[in-house]
Amino acid sequence: MTDSAHAAMRRSEKEITSLPDLEAILQSADICRLAMANGNVPYIVPMNFGYRDHTLYFHCAPEGRKLEFIRKNPMVCFEADCDTKVVNTGKPCNWSSRYTSIIGYGTATLVDDLKRKRDALNIIVDHYAPGTAYVFPDENVEKVAILKVEITHMTGKKSELETQSPWR
């Protein structure tokens, strides 16, 4: 990864760097957007996910564009957000937003082992229904692909309501 991928945040007063705070954002988010590239062709997709031990898990179809891209280039970027609100101040170019977000980078791999796939599926289910665990039949587990993203870097940002346009 290039140094520009980890450049300093322009608005450093809004940056979140503590791991517990970053993990709280991931636990609060409903969707994680996964971005990948095939040469100079970018691709991003919103996905259901689970998080545990500095690793993201996604389930998807066993074929398709995202898997084609990841097989060619396993480096990915991800984004998740929560607490979003757009504020209409009634003045053009003076609207604002409130949000908490996280952007990170990692390496994606496919999980092939049935036990590990079941574990990953339960991590995903637990994200949306904490404390719930399922027994997944082999035939169902075999039909789904599991992407595992080991996070190499992540940072967060919290933006409170602003009353001045950033373009002035």
N, C-alpha and C. Protein backbone atom coordinates (compact mmCIF):
# COMPACT_ATOMS: atom_id res chain seq x y z
N MET A 1 0.83 -1.17 0.00
CA MET A 1 0.00 0.00 0.00
C MET A 1 0.88 1.24 0.00
N THR A 2 0.47 2.25 -0.72
CA THR A 2 1.26 3.46 -0.78
C THR A 2 1.07 4.30 0.47
N ASP A 3 2.01 5.22 0.70
CA ASP A 3 1.91 6.11 1.85
C ASP A 3 0.66 6.98 1.78
N SER A 4 0.19 7.31 0.57
CA SER A 4 -1.00 8.15 0.43
C SER A 4 -2.23 7.47 1.01
N ALA A 5 -2.24 6.15 1.09
CA ALA A 5 -3.38 5.45 1.67
C ALA A 5 -3.52 5.74 3.16
N HIS A 6 -2.43 6.09 3.81
CA HIS A 6 -2.44 6.36 5.24
C HIS A 6 -2.03 7.80 5.54
N ALA A 7 -2.35 8.71 4.64
CA ALA A 7 -2.00 10.11 4.84
C ALA A 7 -2.75 10.66 6.05
N ALA A 8 -2.19 11.69 6.65
CA ALA A 8 -2.80 12.34 7.81
C ALA A 8 -4.16 12.91 7.43
N MET A 9 -5.11 12.81 8.35
CA MET A 9 -6.44 13.36 8.11
C MET A 9 -6.37 14.88 8.14
N ARG A 10 -6.99 15.51 7.17
CA ARG A 10 -6.99 16.96 7.06
C ARG A 10 -7.61 17.61 8.29
N ARG A 11 -8.72 17.09 8.76
CA ARG A 11 -9.41 17.63 9.93
C ARG A 11 -9.09 16.73 11.13
N SER A 12 -7.85 16.81 11.61
CA SER A 12 -7.37 15.89 12.64
C SER A 12 -8.17 15.98 13.93
N GLU A 13 -8.83 17.10 14.19
CA GLU A 13 -9.64 17.22 15.41
C GLU A 13 -10.86 16.28 15.38
N LYS A 14 -11.20 15.78 14.21
CA LYS A 14 -12.34 14.87 14.07
C LYS A 14 -11.92 13.40 14.03
N GLU A 15 -10.61 13.15 14.03
CA GLU A 15 -10.11 11.79 13.85
C GLU A 15 -10.31 10.94 15.10
N ILE A 16 -10.66 9.67 14.86
CA ILE A 16 -10.81 8.67 15.90
C ILE A 16 -9.73 7.62 15.65
N THR A 17 -8.89 7.38 16.65
CA THR A 17 -7.81 6.40 16.47
C THR A 17 -7.84 5.27 17.49
N SER A 18 -8.59 5.42 18.58
CA SER A 18 -8.56 4.37 19.60
C SER A 18 -9.30 3.13 19.10
N LEU A 19 -8.68 1.98 19.29
CA LEU A 19 -9.27 0.73 18.82
C LEU A 19 -10.65 0.47 19.41
N PRO A 20 -10.89 0.67 20.71
CA PRO A 20 -12.25 0.45 21.23
C PRO A 20 -13.29 1.35 20.56
N ASP A 21 -12.94 2.60 20.27
CA ASP A 21 -13.88 3.50 19.59
C ASP A 21 -14.13 3.06 18.15
N LEU A 22 -13.07 2.63 17.46
CA LEU A 22 -13.22 2.15 16.09
C LEU A 22 -14.09 0.89 16.06
N GLU A 23 -13.86 -0.01 16.99
CA GLU A 23 -14.66 -1.23 17.06
C GLU A 23 -16.13 -0.91 17.38
N ALA A 24 -16.37 0.11 18.19
CA ALA A 24 -17.74 0.50 18.51
C ALA A 24 -18.46 1.00 17.25
N ILE A 25 -17.76 1.71 16.38
CA ILE A 25 -18.36 2.15 15.12
C ILE A 25 -18.73 0.94 14.29
N LEU A 26 -17.81 -0.01 14.15
CA LEU A 26 -18.12 -1.22 13.38
C LEU A 26 -19.30 -1.98 13.97
N GLN A 27 -19.37 -2.05 15.28
CA GLN A 27 -20.48 -2.78 15.92
C GLN A 27 -21.81 -2.05 15.72
N SER A 28 -21.78 -0.73 15.55
CA SER A 28 -23.01 0.06 15.38
C SER A 28 -23.48 0.12 13.93
N ALA A 29 -22.60 -0.10 13.00
CA ALA A 29 -22.93 0.03 11.58
C ALA A 29 -23.76 -1.15 11.10
N ASP A 30 -24.71 -0.86 10.22
CA ASP A 30 -25.54 -1.92 9.63
C ASP A 30 -24.95 -2.49 8.35
N ILE A 31 -24.23 -1.66 7.63
CA ILE A 31 -23.68 -2.03 6.32
C ILE A 31 -22.21 -1.63 6.28
N CYS A 32 -21.41 -2.45 5.65
CA CYS A 32 -20.01 -2.12 5.40
C CYS A 32 -19.82 -2.13 3.89
N ARG A 33 -19.26 -1.07 3.37
CA ARG A 33 -18.99 -0.99 1.93
C ARG A 33 -17.58 -1.50 1.69
N LEU A 34 -17.48 -2.45 0.78
CA LEU A 34 -16.20 -3.07 0.46
C LEU A 34 -15.78 -2.61 -0.92
N ALA A 35 -14.58 -2.01 -1.01
CA ALA A 35 -14.07 -1.50 -2.28
C ALA A 35 -12.86 -2.32 -2.69
N MET A 36 -12.80 -2.57 -4.00
CA MET A 36 -11.70 -3.34 -4.57
C MET A 36 -11.38 -2.77 -5.94
N ALA A 37 -10.30 -3.22 -6.53
CA ALA A 37 -9.94 -2.72 -7.86
C ALA A 37 -9.35 -3.85 -8.69
N ASN A 38 -9.64 -3.77 -9.97
CA ASN A 38 -9.05 -4.66 -10.96
C ASN A 38 -8.32 -3.75 -11.94
N GLY A 39 -7.01 -3.62 -11.76
CA GLY A 39 -6.27 -2.65 -12.56
C GLY A 39 -6.77 -1.26 -12.24
N ASN A 40 -7.22 -0.53 -13.26
CA ASN A 40 -7.72 0.82 -13.01
C ASN A 40 -9.25 0.88 -12.93
N VAL A 41 -9.90 -0.27 -12.72
CA VAL A 41 -11.35 -0.32 -12.59
C VAL A 41 -11.73 -0.51 -11.12
N PRO A 42 -12.28 0.53 -10.48
CA PRO A 42 -12.70 0.38 -9.08
C PRO A 42 -14.10 -0.23 -9.00
N TYR A 43 -14.40 -0.83 -7.86
CA TYR A 43 -15.71 -1.44 -7.63
C TYR A 43 -15.97 -1.38 -6.13
N ILE A 44 -17.17 -0.94 -5.77
CA ILE A 44 -17.54 -0.89 -4.36
C ILE A 44 -18.94 -1.48 -4.21
N VAL A 45 -19.15 -2.19 -3.11
CA VAL A 45 -20.43 -2.86 -2.91
C VAL A 45 -20.80 -2.81 -1.42
N PRO A 46 -22.05 -2.44 -1.11
CA PRO A 46 -22.50 -2.48 0.29
C PRO A 46 -22.82 -3.91 0.69
N MET A 47 -22.38 -4.31 1.88
CA MET A 47 -22.56 -5.71 2.28
C MET A 47 -22.92 -5.83 3.75
N ASN A 48 -23.64 -6.91 4.08
CA ASN A 48 -23.82 -7.30 5.47
C ASN A 48 -22.50 -7.90 5.93
N PHE A 49 -22.21 -7.76 7.21
CA PHE A 49 -20.88 -8.17 7.67
C PHE A 49 -20.90 -8.52 9.15
N GLY A 50 -19.79 -9.06 9.60
CA GLY A 50 -19.53 -9.28 11.00
C GLY A 50 -18.09 -8.92 11.28
N TYR A 51 -17.77 -8.60 12.53
CA TYR A 51 -16.42 -8.20 12.91
C TYR A 51 -16.02 -8.92 14.18
N ARG A 52 -14.80 -9.42 14.18
CA ARG A 52 -14.22 -10.02 15.38
C ARG A 52 -12.71 -10.09 15.22
N ASP A 53 -12.00 -9.74 16.29
CA ASP A 53 -10.54 -9.89 16.34
C ASP A 53 -9.83 -9.25 15.15
N HIS A 54 -10.15 -8.01 14.90
CA HIS A 54 -9.50 -7.22 13.85
C HIS A 54 -9.70 -7.81 12.46
N THR A 55 -10.83 -8.51 12.29
CA THR A 55 -11.15 -9.16 11.02
C THR A 55 -12.62 -8.94 10.68
N LEU A 56 -12.88 -8.62 9.42
CA LEU A 56 -14.24 -8.49 8.90
C LEU A 56 -14.61 -9.76 8.14
N TYR A 57 -15.88 -10.15 8.23
CA TYR A 57 -16.38 -11.31 7.51
C TYR A 57 -17.60 -10.88 6.70
N PHE A 58 -17.66 -11.32 5.45
CA PHE A 58 -18.77 -11.03 4.56
C PHE A 58 -19.21 -12.34 3.92
N HIS A 59 -20.51 -12.48 3.68
CA HIS A 59 -20.97 -13.64 2.91
C HIS A 59 -21.48 -13.14 1.57
N CYS A 60 -21.32 -13.97 0.56
CA CYS A 60 -21.75 -13.59 -0.78
C CYS A 60 -21.92 -14.84 -1.63
N ALA A 61 -22.36 -14.62 -2.85
CA ALA A 61 -22.48 -15.73 -3.80
C ALA A 61 -21.08 -16.25 -4.13
N PRO A 62 -20.97 -17.51 -4.47
CA PRO A 62 -19.65 -18.09 -4.76
C PRO A 62 -19.06 -17.69 -6.11
N GLU A 63 -19.73 -16.81 -6.82
CA GLU A 63 -19.19 -16.31 -8.09
C GLU A 63 -19.68 -14.88 -8.25
N GLY A 64 -18.98 -14.14 -9.08
CA GLY A 64 -19.40 -12.77 -9.33
C GLY A 64 -18.23 -11.81 -9.39
N ARG A 65 -18.56 -10.57 -9.64
CA ARG A 65 -17.56 -9.54 -9.90
C ARG A 65 -16.60 -9.33 -8.73
N LYS A 66 -17.14 -9.25 -7.50
CA LYS A 66 -16.24 -8.98 -6.37
C LYS A 66 -15.21 -10.08 -6.18
N LEU A 67 -15.62 -11.34 -6.37
CA LEU A 67 -14.66 -12.43 -6.23
C LEU A 67 -13.64 -12.42 -7.37
N GLU A 68 -14.06 -12.07 -8.57
CA GLU A 68 -13.12 -11.94 -9.69
C GLU A 68 -12.07 -10.88 -9.37
N PHE A 69 -12.52 -9.73 -8.85
CA PHE A 69 -11.59 -8.65 -8.51
C PHE A 69 -10.63 -9.08 -7.40
N ILE A 70 -11.16 -9.70 -6.35
CA ILE A 70 -10.33 -10.09 -5.20
C ILE A 70 -9.32 -11.17 -5.58
N ARG A 71 -9.68 -12.06 -6.48
CA ARG A 71 -8.72 -13.07 -6.91
C ARG A 71 -7.54 -12.43 -7.65
N LYS A 72 -7.79 -11.32 -8.32
CA LYS A 72 -6.71 -10.62 -9.04
C LYS A 72 -5.94 -9.67 -8.14
N ASN A 73 -6.63 -9.11 -7.13
CA ASN A 73 -5.99 -8.15 -6.23
C ASN A 73 -6.69 -8.24 -4.88
N PRO A 74 -6.07 -8.89 -3.89
CA PRO A 74 -6.73 -9.08 -2.60
C PRO A 74 -6.74 -7.84 -1.69
N MET A 75 -6.08 -6.76 -2.11
CA MET A 75 -6.06 -5.54 -1.29
C MET A 75 -7.41 -4.84 -1.42
N VAL A 76 -8.04 -4.53 -0.28
CA VAL A 76 -9.35 -3.90 -0.28
C VAL A 76 -9.37 -2.70 0.65
N CYS A 77 -10.37 -1.88 0.46
CA CYS A 77 -10.66 -0.76 1.34
C CYS A 77 -12.10 -0.96 1.79
N PHE A 78 -12.41 -0.53 3.02
CA PHE A 78 -13.79 -0.66 3.50
C PHE A 78 -14.22 0.62 4.19
N GLU A 79 -15.53 0.83 4.22
CA GLU A 79 -16.11 2.00 4.88
C GLU A 79 -17.39 1.59 5.56
N ALA A 80 -17.60 2.09 6.77
CA ALA A 80 -18.85 1.88 7.49
C ALA A 80 -19.17 3.19 8.21
N ASP A 81 -20.46 3.46 8.38
CA ASP A 81 -20.83 4.69 9.08
C ASP A 81 -22.09 4.46 9.90
N CYS A 82 -22.30 5.36 10.85
CA CYS A 82 -23.50 5.32 11.69
C CYS A 82 -23.77 6.74 12.18
N ASP A 83 -24.90 6.92 12.83
CA ASP A 83 -25.28 8.22 13.39
C ASP A 83 -25.27 9.33 12.34
N THR A 84 -25.77 9.04 11.13
CA THR A 84 -25.73 10.04 10.06
C THR A 84 -26.97 10.92 10.09
N LYS A 85 -26.76 12.18 9.79
CA LYS A 85 -27.86 13.14 9.70
C LYS A 85 -27.41 14.28 8.81
N VAL A 86 -28.23 14.60 7.81
CA VAL A 86 -27.99 15.76 6.96
C VAL A 86 -28.82 16.91 7.53
N VAL A 87 -28.20 18.06 7.67
CA VAL A 87 -28.86 19.21 8.26
C VAL A 87 -29.05 20.29 7.20
N ASN A 88 -30.31 20.60 6.91
CA ASN A 88 -30.66 21.66 5.97
C ASN A 88 -30.78 22.96 6.76
N THR A 89 -29.84 23.85 6.55
CA THR A 89 -29.86 25.13 7.26
C THR A 89 -30.75 26.16 6.57
N GLY A 90 -31.25 25.80 5.40
CA GLY A 90 -32.07 26.74 4.66
C GLY A 90 -31.26 27.71 3.81
N LYS A 91 -29.93 27.56 3.86
CA LYS A 91 -29.06 28.44 3.08
C LYS A 91 -28.23 27.59 2.13
N PRO A 92 -28.24 27.93 0.83
CA PRO A 92 -27.42 27.18 -0.13
C PRO A 92 -25.94 27.18 0.29
N CYS A 93 -25.28 26.07 0.07
CA CYS A 93 -23.85 25.89 0.38
C CYS A 93 -23.54 26.04 1.86
N ASN A 94 -24.56 25.91 2.71
CA ASN A 94 -24.32 26.01 4.14
C ASN A 94 -24.97 24.83 4.87
N TRP A 95 -25.31 23.79 4.15
CA TRP A 95 -25.83 22.59 4.79
C TRP A 95 -24.69 21.90 5.52
N SER A 96 -25.05 20.97 6.36
CA SER A 96 -24.03 20.27 7.12
C SER A 96 -24.42 18.81 7.30
N SER A 97 -23.51 18.04 7.85
CA SER A 97 -23.76 16.64 8.14
C SER A 97 -23.18 16.28 9.49
N ARG A 98 -23.82 15.31 10.10
CA ARG A 98 -23.29 14.72 11.32
C ARG A 98 -23.13 13.24 11.02
N TYR A 99 -22.03 12.65 11.42
CA TYR A 99 -21.80 11.23 11.18
C TYR A 99 -20.63 10.75 11.99
N THR A 100 -20.56 9.45 12.11
CA THR A 100 -19.40 8.76 12.64
C THR A 100 -19.06 7.71 11.59
N SER A 101 -17.81 7.67 11.16
CA SER A 101 -17.46 6.74 10.09
C SER A 101 -16.08 6.13 10.33
N ILE A 102 -15.84 5.08 9.60
CA ILE A 102 -14.55 4.40 9.67
C ILE A 102 -14.15 4.02 8.25
N ILE A 103 -12.89 4.19 7.96
CA ILE A 103 -12.33 3.74 6.69
C ILE A 103 -11.10 2.91 7.04
N GLY A 104 -10.96 1.79 6.35
CA GLY A 104 -9.83 0.93 6.64
C GLY A 104 -9.38 0.17 5.40
N TYR A 105 -8.29 -0.53 5.59
CA TYR A 105 -7.67 -1.30 4.51
C TYR A 105 -7.37 -2.70 5.02
N GLY A 106 -7.33 -3.64 4.12
CA GLY A 106 -7.00 -4.99 4.52
C GLY A 106 -6.78 -5.89 3.33
N THR A 107 -6.55 -7.15 3.66
CA THR A 107 -6.32 -8.18 2.65
C THR A 107 -7.46 -9.18 2.73
N ALA A 108 -8.10 -9.40 1.59
CA ALA A 108 -9.25 -10.31 1.53
C ALA A 108 -8.82 -11.70 1.07
N THR A 109 -9.37 -12.70 1.71
CA THR A 109 -9.17 -14.09 1.30
C THR A 109 -10.51 -14.80 1.38
N LEU A 110 -10.63 -15.88 0.65
CA LEU A 110 -11.82 -16.72 0.71
C LEU A 110 -11.62 -17.78 1.78
N VAL A 111 -12.65 -18.01 2.57
CA VAL A 111 -12.63 -19.07 3.57
C VAL A 111 -13.22 -20.31 2.93
N ASP A 112 -12.49 -21.40 2.90
CA ASP A 112 -12.96 -22.62 2.25
C ASP A 112 -13.39 -23.71 3.23
N ASP A 113 -12.76 -23.76 4.39
CA ASP A 113 -13.04 -24.79 5.38
C ASP A 113 -14.46 -24.64 5.93
N LEU A 114 -15.25 -25.73 5.94
CA LEU A 114 -16.64 -25.67 6.37
C LEU A 114 -16.80 -25.18 7.81
N LYS A 115 -15.95 -25.63 8.72
CA LYS A 115 -16.06 -25.19 10.11
C LYS A 115 -15.79 -23.69 10.22
N ARG A 116 -14.77 -23.22 9.52
CA ARG A 116 -14.45 -21.78 9.57
C ARG A 116 -15.55 -20.95 8.90
N LYS A 117 -16.16 -21.49 7.85
CA LYS A 117 -17.27 -20.80 7.21
C LYS A 117 -18.45 -20.69 8.18
N ARG A 118 -18.74 -21.77 8.91
CA ARG A 118 -19.82 -21.74 9.90
C ARG A 118 -19.51 -20.71 10.98
N ASP A 119 -18.27 -20.70 11.46
CA ASP A 119 -17.88 -19.72 12.48
C ASP A 119 -18.08 -18.30 11.96
N ALA A 120 -17.67 -18.06 10.72
CA ALA A 120 -17.82 -16.72 10.13
C ALA A 120 -19.30 -16.36 9.98
N LEU A 121 -20.13 -17.30 9.55
CA LEU A 121 -21.56 -17.03 9.43
C LEU A 121 -22.16 -16.67 10.79
N ASN A 122 -21.73 -17.34 11.85
CA ASN A 122 -22.23 -17.01 13.18
C ASN A 122 -21.73 -15.64 13.64
N ILE A 123 -20.52 -15.24 13.24
CA ILE A 123 -20.04 -13.89 13.56
C ILE A 123 -20.91 -12.85 12.86
N ILE A 124 -21.27 -13.12 11.61
CA ILE A 124 -22.15 -12.21 10.87
C ILE A 124 -23.53 -12.15 11.52
N VAL A 125 -24.11 -13.30 11.84
CA VAL A 125 -25.43 -13.32 12.48
C VAL A 125 -25.38 -12.60 13.82
N ASP A 126 -24.32 -12.81 14.58
CA ASP A 126 -24.18 -12.18 15.90
C ASP A 126 -24.12 -10.65 15.78
N HIS A 127 -23.62 -10.15 14.66
CA HIS A 127 -23.57 -8.69 14.47
C HIS A 127 -24.98 -8.11 14.45
N TYR A 128 -25.92 -8.81 13.85
CA TYR A 128 -27.28 -8.31 13.70
C TYR A 128 -28.24 -8.81 14.78
N ALA A 129 -27.92 -9.93 15.40
CA ALA A 129 -28.75 -10.51 16.46
C ALA A 129 -27.82 -11.06 17.54
N PRO A 130 -27.26 -10.16 18.37
CA PRO A 130 -26.27 -10.60 19.37
C PRO A 130 -26.78 -11.74 20.24
N GLY A 131 -25.90 -12.70 20.47
CA GLY A 131 -26.22 -13.84 21.31
C GLY A 131 -26.91 -14.97 20.57
N THR A 132 -27.17 -14.78 19.29
CA THR A 132 -27.84 -15.81 18.50
C THR A 132 -26.79 -16.65 17.77
N ALA A 133 -26.95 -17.95 17.83
CA ALA A 133 -26.06 -18.84 17.09
C ALA A 133 -26.92 -19.86 16.36
N TYR A 134 -26.52 -20.21 15.17
CA TYR A 134 -27.26 -21.16 14.36
C TYR A 134 -26.39 -22.34 14.01
N VAL A 135 -27.05 -23.44 13.70
CA VAL A 135 -26.39 -24.60 13.12
C VAL A 135 -26.73 -24.56 11.64
N PHE A 136 -25.71 -24.41 10.82
CA PHE A 136 -25.90 -24.29 9.38
C PHE A 136 -25.67 -25.65 8.73
N PRO A 137 -26.65 -26.15 7.98
CA PRO A 137 -26.46 -27.44 7.29
C PRO A 137 -25.33 -27.36 6.27
N ASP A 138 -24.60 -28.45 6.11
CA ASP A 138 -23.47 -28.50 5.17
C ASP A 138 -23.85 -27.99 3.79
N GLU A 139 -25.01 -28.41 3.27
CA GLU A 139 -25.38 -28.02 1.91
C GLU A 139 -25.56 -26.50 1.78
N ASN A 140 -26.00 -25.83 2.84
CA ASN A 140 -26.12 -24.37 2.80
C ASN A 140 -24.75 -23.70 2.87
N VAL A 141 -23.90 -24.22 3.74
CA VAL A 141 -22.57 -23.64 3.92
C VAL A 141 -21.75 -23.80 2.64
N GLU A 142 -21.90 -24.92 1.97
CA GLU A 142 -21.15 -25.17 0.74
C GLU A 142 -21.57 -24.22 -0.39
N LYS A 143 -22.79 -23.70 -0.34
CA LYS A 143 -23.31 -22.84 -1.41
C LYS A 143 -22.94 -21.37 -1.27
N VAL A 144 -22.38 -20.99 -0.14
CA VAL A 144 -22.08 -19.58 0.11
C VAL A 144 -20.58 -19.37 0.14
N ALA A 145 -20.15 -18.21 -0.31
CA ALA A 145 -18.74 -17.83 -0.20
C ALA A 145 -18.59 -16.93 1.02
N ILE A 146 -17.49 -17.06 1.70
CA ILE A 146 -17.17 -16.21 2.85
C ILE A 146 -15.88 -15.47 2.54
N LEU A 147 -15.95 -14.15 2.60
CA LEU A 147 -14.76 -13.31 2.47
C LEU A 147 -14.28 -12.93 3.85
N LYS A 148 -13.01 -13.09 4.07
CA LYS A 148 -12.37 -12.72 5.33
C LYS A 148 -11.41 -11.58 5.01
N VAL A 149 -11.57 -10.46 5.69
CA VAL A 149 -10.69 -9.31 5.48
C VAL A 149 -9.92 -9.06 6.76
N GLU A 150 -8.63 -9.35 6.71
CA GLU A 150 -7.76 -9.05 7.84
C GLU A 150 -7.35 -7.60 7.73
N ILE A 151 -7.75 -6.81 8.73
CA ILE A 151 -7.55 -5.36 8.69
C ILE A 151 -6.08 -5.03 8.95
N THR A 152 -5.52 -4.21 8.05
CA THR A 152 -4.13 -3.77 8.22
C THR A 152 -4.04 -2.35 8.77
N HIS A 153 -5.10 -1.55 8.52
CA HIS A 153 -5.12 -0.16 9.00
C HIS A 153 -6.55 0.33 8.98
N MET A 154 -6.93 1.10 10.01
CA MET A 154 -8.23 1.75 9.98
C MET A 154 -8.19 3.01 10.83
N THR A 155 -9.03 3.94 10.44
CA THR A 155 -9.16 5.19 11.18
C THR A 155 -10.61 5.63 11.12
N GLY A 156 -11.02 6.43 12.06
CA GLY A 156 -12.40 6.88 12.10
C GLY A 156 -12.49 8.39 12.09
N LYS A 157 -13.71 8.86 11.91
CA LYS A 157 -13.96 10.30 11.90
C LYS A 157 -15.33 10.56 12.49
N LYS A 158 -15.41 11.56 13.35
CA LYS A 158 -16.69 11.96 13.94
C LYS A 158 -16.89 13.42 13.60
N SER A 159 -18.01 13.70 12.95
CA SER A 159 -18.32 15.06 12.56
C SER A 159 -19.60 15.48 13.27
N GLU A 160 -19.48 16.48 14.11
CA GLU A 160 -20.65 17.04 14.77
C GLU A 160 -21.31 18.01 13.80
N LEU A 161 -22.45 18.51 14.15
CA LEU A 161 -23.13 19.47 13.29
C LEU A 161 -22.30 20.73 13.14
N GLU A 162 -22.19 21.18 11.92
CA GLU A 162 -21.46 22.42 11.64
C GLU A 162 -22.44 23.45 11.11
N THR A 163 -22.16 24.70 11.36
CA THR A 163 -23.04 25.75 10.87
C THR A 163 -22.42 26.54 9.74
N GLN A 164 -21.15 26.35 9.48
CA GLN A 164 -20.48 27.06 8.40
C GLN A 164 -20.13 26.09 7.29
N SER A 165 -20.24 26.56 6.08
CA SER A 165 -19.90 25.73 4.94
C SER A 165 -18.38 25.50 4.89
N PRO A 166 -17.94 24.27 4.60
CA PRO A 166 -16.50 24.03 4.47
C PRO A 166 -15.92 24.65 3.20
N TRP A 167 -16.78 25.19 2.32
CA TRP A 167 -16.31 25.75 1.04
C TRP A 167 -16.12 27.26 1.09
N ARG A 168 -16.34 27.87 2.23
CA ARG A 168 -16.18 29.33 2.33
C ARG A 168 -14.77 29.68 2.65
